[in-house]
Amino acid sequence: MRFLVMVKANKDSEAGVMPDERMLTEMGKFNDELVKAGVMLAGEGLQPSSKGTRISYSGSKRTVRDGPFTETKELVAGFWIWQVKSRQEALEWAKRIPFTQGEEVEIRQVFEADDFGEAFTPELRKQEERQRAAIEKNKQRSGK
């Protein structure tokens, strides 16, 4: 099972305040544990919404709005993607995140191919497999 763990934004992250050395050190140790356990697939911090853009879709109309966006509590400041055996395991890892200043995370399970049932035809499965293989190839080519 894969889970997206979203670190919710706050006034500091939206103001572009960077974590101090202590937090970076603690987060680095935590990420090392995730990697060693084979849990962490990806993880990144995000720039504040003032550097972001939203696009709304209505039929063929596209509306583009530049940040910042007002509802800070609804914004994401960073994320991990974890591969774990259960929701409970994801929760146990999340409880260990070294936050101490009122931070908040949201955990959401990622859909897997089988979740889509018959609508996800063999042709669509092959397409997804090709896309995943191409993504891996692109990662190797770019060294990431």
N, C-alpha and C. Protein backbone atom coordinates (compact mmCIF):
# COMPACT_ATOMS: atom_id res chain seq x y z
N MET A 1 0.85 -1.18 0.00
CA MET A 1 0.00 0.00 0.00
C MET A 1 0.89 1.24 0.00
N ARG A 2 0.49 2.19 -0.81
CA ARG A 2 1.21 3.46 -0.82
C ARG A 2 0.33 4.53 -0.18
N PHE A 3 0.99 5.42 0.54
CA PHE A 3 0.30 6.53 1.19
C PHE A 3 1.02 7.83 0.87
N LEU A 4 0.24 8.86 0.63
CA LEU A 4 0.76 10.21 0.50
C LEU A 4 0.60 10.85 1.87
N VAL A 5 1.69 11.32 2.42
CA VAL A 5 1.68 11.99 3.72
C VAL A 5 1.96 13.46 3.43
N MET A 6 0.94 14.30 3.61
CA MET A 6 1.06 15.72 3.29
C MET A 6 1.30 16.52 4.55
N VAL A 7 2.34 17.33 4.53
CA VAL A 7 2.62 18.25 5.62
C VAL A 7 1.84 19.51 5.33
N LYS A 8 0.93 19.85 6.23
CA LYS A 8 0.08 21.02 6.01
C LYS A 8 0.89 22.30 6.19
N ALA A 9 0.55 23.31 5.40
CA ALA A 9 1.21 24.61 5.47
C ALA A 9 0.78 25.33 6.74
N ASN A 10 1.61 26.29 7.14
CA ASN A 10 1.26 27.18 8.25
C ASN A 10 1.78 28.57 7.90
N LYS A 11 1.61 29.52 8.80
CA LYS A 11 2.01 30.90 8.48
C LYS A 11 3.50 31.00 8.19
N ASP A 12 4.32 30.21 8.89
CA ASP A 12 5.77 30.25 8.64
C ASP A 12 6.13 29.68 7.27
N SER A 13 5.58 28.52 6.93
CA SER A 13 5.91 27.92 5.64
C SER A 13 5.42 28.81 4.49
N GLU A 14 4.26 29.43 4.68
CA GLU A 14 3.73 30.33 3.65
C GLU A 14 4.54 31.63 3.55
N ALA A 15 5.22 32.01 4.64
CA ALA A 15 6.07 33.20 4.62
C ALA A 15 7.46 32.88 4.08
N GLY A 16 7.70 31.61 3.77
CA GLY A 16 9.00 31.21 3.24
C GLY A 16 10.06 31.00 4.31
N VAL A 17 9.63 30.89 5.59
CA VAL A 17 10.58 30.65 6.68
C VAL A 17 11.12 29.23 6.54
N MET A 18 12.44 29.14 6.46
CA MET A 18 13.09 27.84 6.28
C MET A 18 13.31 27.18 7.64
N PRO A 19 13.30 25.85 7.69
CA PRO A 19 13.56 25.16 8.95
C PRO A 19 14.98 25.44 9.44
N ASP A 20 15.17 25.43 10.75
CA ASP A 20 16.50 25.66 11.29
C ASP A 20 17.33 24.38 11.21
N GLU A 21 18.60 24.48 11.58
CA GLU A 21 19.52 23.35 11.47
C GLU A 21 19.05 22.17 12.32
N ARG A 22 18.51 22.44 13.50
CA ARG A 22 18.04 21.36 14.37
C ARG A 22 16.94 20.57 13.67
N MET A 23 15.95 21.26 13.10
CA MET A 23 14.85 20.58 12.43
C MET A 23 15.34 19.82 11.21
N LEU A 24 16.25 20.43 10.42
CA LEU A 24 16.78 19.74 9.25
C LEU A 24 17.54 18.48 9.67
N THR A 25 18.27 18.55 10.77
CA THR A 25 19.01 17.38 11.27
C THR A 25 18.04 16.29 11.72
N GLU A 26 17.03 16.66 12.50
CA GLU A 26 16.04 15.68 12.98
C GLU A 26 15.27 15.06 11.81
N MET A 27 14.88 15.89 10.85
CA MET A 27 14.14 15.36 9.70
C MET A 27 15.04 14.46 8.86
N GLY A 28 16.31 14.81 8.74
CA GLY A 28 17.25 13.96 8.02
C GLY A 28 17.38 12.59 8.67
N LYS A 29 17.44 12.56 10.00
CA LYS A 29 17.52 11.28 10.73
C LYS A 29 16.25 10.46 10.49
N PHE A 30 15.09 11.13 10.58
CA PHE A 30 13.82 10.43 10.37
C PHE A 30 13.75 9.86 8.95
N ASN A 31 14.13 10.68 7.96
CA ASN A 31 14.11 10.22 6.57
C ASN A 31 15.07 9.05 6.37
N ASP A 32 16.24 9.08 7.05
CA ASP A 32 17.16 7.95 6.98
C ASP A 32 16.49 6.67 7.48
N GLU A 33 15.72 6.77 8.57
CA GLU A 33 15.01 5.61 9.10
C GLU A 33 13.99 5.09 8.09
N LEU A 34 13.25 6.01 7.47
CA LEU A 34 12.26 5.62 6.47
C LEU A 34 12.93 4.89 5.30
N VAL A 35 14.04 5.44 4.82
CA VAL A 35 14.75 4.85 3.69
C VAL A 35 15.29 3.48 4.08
N LYS A 36 15.93 3.39 5.24
CA LYS A 36 16.50 2.11 5.70
C LYS A 36 15.43 1.03 5.83
N ALA A 37 14.23 1.42 6.25
CA ALA A 37 13.12 0.47 6.41
C ALA A 37 12.44 0.16 5.08
N GLY A 38 12.83 0.83 4.00
CA GLY A 38 12.21 0.59 2.70
C GLY A 38 10.84 1.22 2.56
N VAL A 39 10.55 2.22 3.39
CA VAL A 39 9.22 2.86 3.41
C VAL A 39 9.16 4.06 2.47
N MET A 40 10.20 4.88 2.47
CA MET A 40 10.14 6.16 1.74
C MET A 40 10.41 5.96 0.25
N LEU A 41 9.42 6.35 -0.56
CA LEU A 41 9.57 6.33 -2.01
C LEU A 41 9.94 7.71 -2.55
N ALA A 42 9.46 8.76 -1.87
CA ALA A 42 9.75 10.13 -2.27
C ALA A 42 9.42 11.04 -1.10
N GLY A 43 9.98 12.23 -1.12
CA GLY A 43 9.67 13.22 -0.10
C GLY A 43 10.32 14.54 -0.46
N GLU A 44 9.54 15.60 -0.37
CA GLU A 44 10.04 16.93 -0.74
C GLU A 44 9.29 18.00 0.04
N GLY A 45 9.93 19.14 0.21
CA GLY A 45 9.27 20.33 0.70
C GLY A 45 8.83 21.16 -0.50
N LEU A 46 7.81 21.97 -0.29
CA LEU A 46 7.28 22.79 -1.38
C LEU A 46 7.48 24.27 -1.10
N GLN A 47 7.69 25.04 -2.15
CA GLN A 47 7.78 26.49 -2.04
C GLN A 47 6.42 27.02 -1.58
N PRO A 48 6.38 28.23 -0.99
CA PRO A 48 5.10 28.80 -0.55
C PRO A 48 4.14 29.02 -1.72
N SER A 49 2.85 29.11 -1.38
CA SER A 49 1.83 29.27 -2.43
C SER A 49 1.99 30.58 -3.20
N SER A 50 2.72 31.54 -2.65
CA SER A 50 2.95 32.79 -3.39
C SER A 50 3.72 32.54 -4.68
N LYS A 51 4.39 31.41 -4.75
CA LYS A 51 5.13 31.03 -5.96
C LYS A 51 4.36 30.00 -6.78
N GLY A 52 3.11 29.75 -6.40
CA GLY A 52 2.30 28.74 -7.06
C GLY A 52 1.25 29.32 -7.97
N THR A 53 0.60 28.44 -8.70
CA THR A 53 -0.47 28.80 -9.62
C THR A 53 -1.55 27.74 -9.53
N ARG A 54 -2.80 28.17 -9.62
CA ARG A 54 -3.93 27.24 -9.69
C ARG A 54 -4.61 27.40 -11.03
N ILE A 55 -5.08 26.30 -11.57
CA ILE A 55 -5.83 26.31 -12.82
C ILE A 55 -7.17 25.65 -12.55
N SER A 56 -8.26 26.35 -12.87
CA SER A 56 -9.61 25.81 -12.75
C SER A 56 -10.11 25.43 -14.13
N TYR A 57 -10.84 24.31 -14.21
CA TYR A 57 -11.31 23.77 -15.48
C TYR A 57 -12.84 23.76 -15.49
N SER A 58 -13.42 24.32 -16.54
CA SER A 58 -14.86 24.29 -16.73
C SER A 58 -15.11 24.12 -18.22
N GLY A 59 -15.45 22.89 -18.61
CA GLY A 59 -15.59 22.62 -20.04
C GLY A 59 -14.26 22.87 -20.72
N SER A 60 -14.24 23.72 -21.75
CA SER A 60 -12.99 24.03 -22.44
C SER A 60 -12.32 25.28 -21.88
N LYS A 61 -12.94 25.91 -20.89
CA LYS A 61 -12.39 27.13 -20.29
C LYS A 61 -11.35 26.79 -19.22
N ARG A 62 -10.24 27.53 -19.24
CA ARG A 62 -9.18 27.39 -18.25
C ARG A 62 -8.98 28.74 -17.57
N THR A 63 -9.05 28.75 -16.25
CA THR A 63 -8.83 29.98 -15.49
C THR A 63 -7.56 29.79 -14.67
N VAL A 64 -6.60 30.67 -14.88
CA VAL A 64 -5.31 30.60 -14.19
C VAL A 64 -5.24 31.70 -13.14
N ARG A 65 -4.92 31.29 -11.90
CA ARG A 65 -4.77 32.25 -10.80
C ARG A 65 -3.42 32.03 -10.14
N ASP A 66 -2.68 33.11 -9.97
CA ASP A 66 -1.40 33.03 -9.27
C ASP A 66 -1.63 33.15 -7.78
N GLY A 67 -0.72 32.49 -7.00
CA GLY A 67 -0.77 32.59 -5.55
C GLY A 67 -0.32 33.96 -5.10
N PRO A 68 -0.39 34.24 -3.83
CA PRO A 68 -0.65 33.29 -2.75
C PRO A 68 -2.14 32.97 -2.62
N PHE A 69 -2.41 31.85 -1.97
CA PHE A 69 -3.78 31.41 -1.75
C PHE A 69 -4.11 31.61 -0.28
N THR A 70 -5.34 32.00 0.00
CA THR A 70 -5.69 32.49 1.34
C THR A 70 -5.87 31.42 2.40
N GLU A 71 -6.39 30.28 2.08
CA GLU A 71 -6.69 29.27 3.10
C GLU A 71 -5.45 28.46 3.44
N THR A 72 -4.56 29.02 4.26
CA THR A 72 -3.31 28.37 4.61
C THR A 72 -3.52 26.96 5.13
N LYS A 73 -4.54 26.75 5.95
CA LYS A 73 -4.76 25.42 6.55
C LYS A 73 -5.10 24.36 5.51
N GLU A 74 -5.47 24.78 4.30
CA GLU A 74 -5.80 23.84 3.23
C GLU A 74 -4.62 23.59 2.30
N LEU A 75 -3.50 24.26 2.53
CA LEU A 75 -2.35 24.14 1.64
C LEU A 75 -1.38 23.07 2.12
N VAL A 76 -0.56 22.60 1.21
CA VAL A 76 0.45 21.59 1.51
C VAL A 76 1.83 22.24 1.43
N ALA A 77 2.66 22.00 2.46
CA ALA A 77 4.00 22.57 2.50
C ALA A 77 5.07 21.55 2.12
N GLY A 78 4.71 20.28 2.12
CA GLY A 78 5.66 19.23 1.78
C GLY A 78 4.95 17.89 1.78
N PHE A 79 5.67 16.85 1.37
CA PHE A 79 5.02 15.54 1.29
C PHE A 79 6.05 14.42 1.32
N TRP A 80 5.56 13.25 1.65
CA TRP A 80 6.27 11.99 1.47
C TRP A 80 5.34 11.05 0.71
N ILE A 81 5.91 10.09 0.03
CA ILE A 81 5.16 8.94 -0.45
C ILE A 81 5.80 7.73 0.21
N TRP A 82 4.98 6.99 0.96
CA TRP A 82 5.47 5.83 1.71
C TRP A 82 4.85 4.55 1.17
N GLN A 83 5.64 3.50 1.16
CA GLN A 83 5.17 2.16 0.82
C GLN A 83 5.18 1.36 2.11
N VAL A 84 4.00 0.98 2.58
CA VAL A 84 3.86 0.25 3.85
C VAL A 84 2.86 -0.89 3.67
N LYS A 85 2.77 -1.74 4.69
CA LYS A 85 1.88 -2.89 4.61
C LYS A 85 0.43 -2.56 4.97
N SER A 86 0.24 -1.45 5.73
CA SER A 86 -1.12 -1.14 6.20
C SER A 86 -1.23 0.34 6.56
N ARG A 87 -2.47 0.78 6.69
CA ARG A 87 -2.74 2.14 7.16
C ARG A 87 -2.16 2.32 8.56
N GLN A 88 -2.29 1.29 9.39
CA GLN A 88 -1.76 1.37 10.75
C GLN A 88 -0.26 1.60 10.75
N GLU A 89 0.46 0.93 9.86
CA GLU A 89 1.91 1.14 9.78
C GLU A 89 2.22 2.58 9.37
N ALA A 90 1.45 3.12 8.42
CA ALA A 90 1.64 4.52 8.03
C ALA A 90 1.42 5.44 9.23
N LEU A 91 0.38 5.16 10.00
CA LEU A 91 0.10 5.98 11.19
C LEU A 91 1.23 5.89 12.21
N GLU A 92 1.77 4.70 12.39
CA GLU A 92 2.87 4.53 13.35
C GLU A 92 4.10 5.34 12.92
N TRP A 93 4.42 5.29 11.63
CA TRP A 93 5.53 6.11 11.13
C TRP A 93 5.23 7.59 11.31
N ALA A 94 4.01 7.99 10.97
CA ALA A 94 3.65 9.42 11.06
C ALA A 94 3.75 9.94 12.48
N LYS A 95 3.45 9.11 13.46
CA LYS A 95 3.55 9.53 14.86
C LYS A 95 4.99 9.83 15.25
N ARG A 96 5.94 9.31 14.48
CA ARG A 96 7.36 9.50 14.78
C ARG A 96 7.97 10.71 14.09
N ILE A 97 7.22 11.39 13.23
CA ILE A 97 7.75 12.58 12.55
C ILE A 97 8.19 13.57 13.64
N PRO A 98 9.39 14.13 13.52
CA PRO A 98 9.92 14.96 14.61
C PRO A 98 9.38 16.40 14.63
N PHE A 99 8.09 16.57 14.51
CA PHE A 99 7.48 17.89 14.61
C PHE A 99 7.18 18.20 16.07
N THR A 100 7.31 19.48 16.44
CA THR A 100 7.06 19.89 17.83
C THR A 100 6.36 21.24 17.93
N GLN A 101 6.08 21.89 16.81
CA GLN A 101 5.55 23.26 16.83
C GLN A 101 4.12 23.37 16.33
N GLY A 102 3.31 22.35 16.57
CA GLY A 102 1.91 22.40 16.15
C GLY A 102 1.68 22.04 14.70
N GLU A 103 2.68 21.46 14.03
CA GLU A 103 2.51 21.06 12.64
C GLU A 103 1.42 20.00 12.52
N GLU A 104 0.95 19.81 11.30
CA GLU A 104 -0.12 18.84 11.05
C GLU A 104 0.19 18.11 9.75
N VAL A 105 -0.10 16.81 9.71
CA VAL A 105 0.01 16.06 8.47
C VAL A 105 -1.33 15.41 8.16
N GLU A 106 -1.52 15.14 6.89
CA GLU A 106 -2.70 14.40 6.42
C GLU A 106 -2.19 13.18 5.68
N ILE A 107 -2.79 12.03 5.94
CA ILE A 107 -2.36 10.78 5.32
C ILE A 107 -3.49 10.27 4.43
N ARG A 108 -3.15 10.02 3.16
CA ARG A 108 -4.15 9.54 2.20
C ARG A 108 -3.58 8.37 1.43
N GLN A 109 -4.36 7.30 1.32
CA GLN A 109 -3.92 6.13 0.56
C GLN A 109 -3.98 6.44 -0.93
N VAL A 110 -2.97 5.97 -1.65
CA VAL A 110 -2.89 6.13 -3.10
C VAL A 110 -3.66 4.98 -3.74
N PHE A 111 -4.46 5.28 -4.76
CA PHE A 111 -5.17 4.23 -5.49
C PHE A 111 -4.16 3.31 -6.17
N GLU A 112 -4.47 2.03 -6.18
CA GLU A 112 -3.70 1.03 -6.92
C GLU A 112 -4.56 0.58 -8.10
N ALA A 113 -3.95 -0.04 -9.08
CA ALA A 113 -4.66 -0.44 -10.30
C ALA A 113 -5.91 -1.26 -10.00
N ASP A 114 -5.83 -2.18 -9.06
CA ASP A 114 -6.97 -3.05 -8.76
C ASP A 114 -8.15 -2.30 -8.18
N ASP A 115 -7.92 -1.12 -7.63
CA ASP A 115 -9.01 -0.34 -7.05
C ASP A 115 -10.02 0.13 -8.10
N PHE A 116 -9.62 0.17 -9.36
CA PHE A 116 -10.49 0.70 -10.42
C PHE A 116 -11.39 -0.36 -11.05
N GLY A 117 -11.21 -1.62 -10.68
CA GLY A 117 -12.08 -2.68 -11.17
C GLY A 117 -12.01 -2.87 -12.67
N GLU A 118 -13.15 -3.25 -13.25
CA GLU A 118 -13.21 -3.58 -14.68
C GLU A 118 -12.99 -2.37 -15.58
N ALA A 119 -13.21 -1.16 -15.07
CA ALA A 119 -13.01 0.04 -15.88
C ALA A 119 -11.54 0.18 -16.30
N PHE A 120 -10.64 -0.40 -15.50
CA PHE A 120 -9.22 -0.34 -15.80
C PHE A 120 -8.87 -1.56 -16.66
N THR A 121 -9.11 -1.42 -17.95
CA THR A 121 -9.00 -2.52 -18.91
C THR A 121 -7.55 -3.01 -19.04
N PRO A 122 -7.35 -4.18 -19.63
CA PRO A 122 -5.98 -4.65 -19.88
C PRO A 122 -5.16 -3.65 -20.69
N GLU A 123 -5.79 -2.97 -21.63
CA GLU A 123 -5.08 -1.98 -22.44
C GLU A 123 -4.62 -0.81 -21.57
N LEU A 124 -5.50 -0.37 -20.65
CA LEU A 124 -5.12 0.72 -19.76
C LEU A 124 -4.03 0.29 -18.79
N ARG A 125 -4.08 -0.96 -18.34
CA ARG A 125 -3.01 -1.48 -17.46
C ARG A 125 -1.68 -1.47 -18.19
N LYS A 126 -1.66 -1.91 -19.45
CA LYS A 126 -0.42 -1.91 -20.23
C LYS A 126 0.09 -0.48 -20.42
N GLN A 127 -0.83 0.44 -20.67
CA GLN A 127 -0.44 1.83 -20.82
C GLN A 127 0.24 2.33 -19.54
N GLU A 128 -0.36 2.03 -18.39
CA GLU A 128 0.23 2.47 -17.13
C GLU A 128 1.60 1.83 -16.91
N GLU A 129 1.73 0.56 -17.24
CA GLU A 129 3.02 -0.12 -17.10
C GLU A 129 4.08 0.55 -17.97
N ARG A 130 3.71 0.92 -19.21
CA ARG A 130 4.65 1.63 -20.09
C ARG A 130 5.04 2.97 -19.49
N GLN A 131 4.04 3.68 -18.93
CA GLN A 131 4.33 4.99 -18.33
C GLN A 131 5.28 4.84 -17.14
N ARG A 132 5.02 3.87 -16.26
CA ARG A 132 5.90 3.66 -15.09
C ARG A 132 7.32 3.31 -15.53
N ALA A 133 7.44 2.45 -16.55
CA ALA A 133 8.76 2.09 -17.06
C ALA A 133 9.48 3.32 -17.63
N ALA A 134 8.75 4.16 -18.35
CA ALA A 134 9.35 5.37 -18.92
C ALA A 134 9.77 6.34 -17.81
N ILE A 135 8.97 6.43 -16.75
CA ILE A 135 9.32 7.31 -15.62
C ILE A 135 10.62 6.82 -14.99
N GLU A 136 10.74 5.51 -14.77
CA GLU A 136 11.97 4.95 -14.18
C GLU A 136 13.17 5.22 -15.09
N LYS A 137 12.97 5.07 -16.38
CA LYS A 137 14.04 5.31 -17.34
C LYS A 137 14.45 6.79 -17.29
N ASN A 138 13.46 7.68 -17.21
CA ASN A 138 13.76 9.11 -17.12
C ASN A 138 14.54 9.43 -15.85
N LYS A 139 14.18 8.79 -14.74
CA LYS A 139 14.90 9.00 -13.47
C LYS A 139 16.35 8.58 -13.62
N GLN A 140 16.57 7.42 -14.22
CA GLN A 140 17.92 6.92 -14.39
C GLN A 140 18.73 7.84 -15.30
N ARG A 141 18.09 8.33 -16.35
CA ARG A 141 18.77 9.21 -17.29
C ARG A 141 19.15 10.53 -16.63
N SER A 142 18.28 11.04 -15.76
CA SER A 142 18.54 12.33 -15.12
C SER A 142 19.35 12.18 -13.84
N GLY A 143 19.57 10.93 -13.40
CA GLY A 143 20.35 10.69 -12.20
C GLY A 143 19.61 10.98 -10.92
N LYS A 144 18.28 10.99 -10.93
CA LYS A 144 17.49 11.29 -9.73
C LYS A 144 16.91 10.06 -9.11
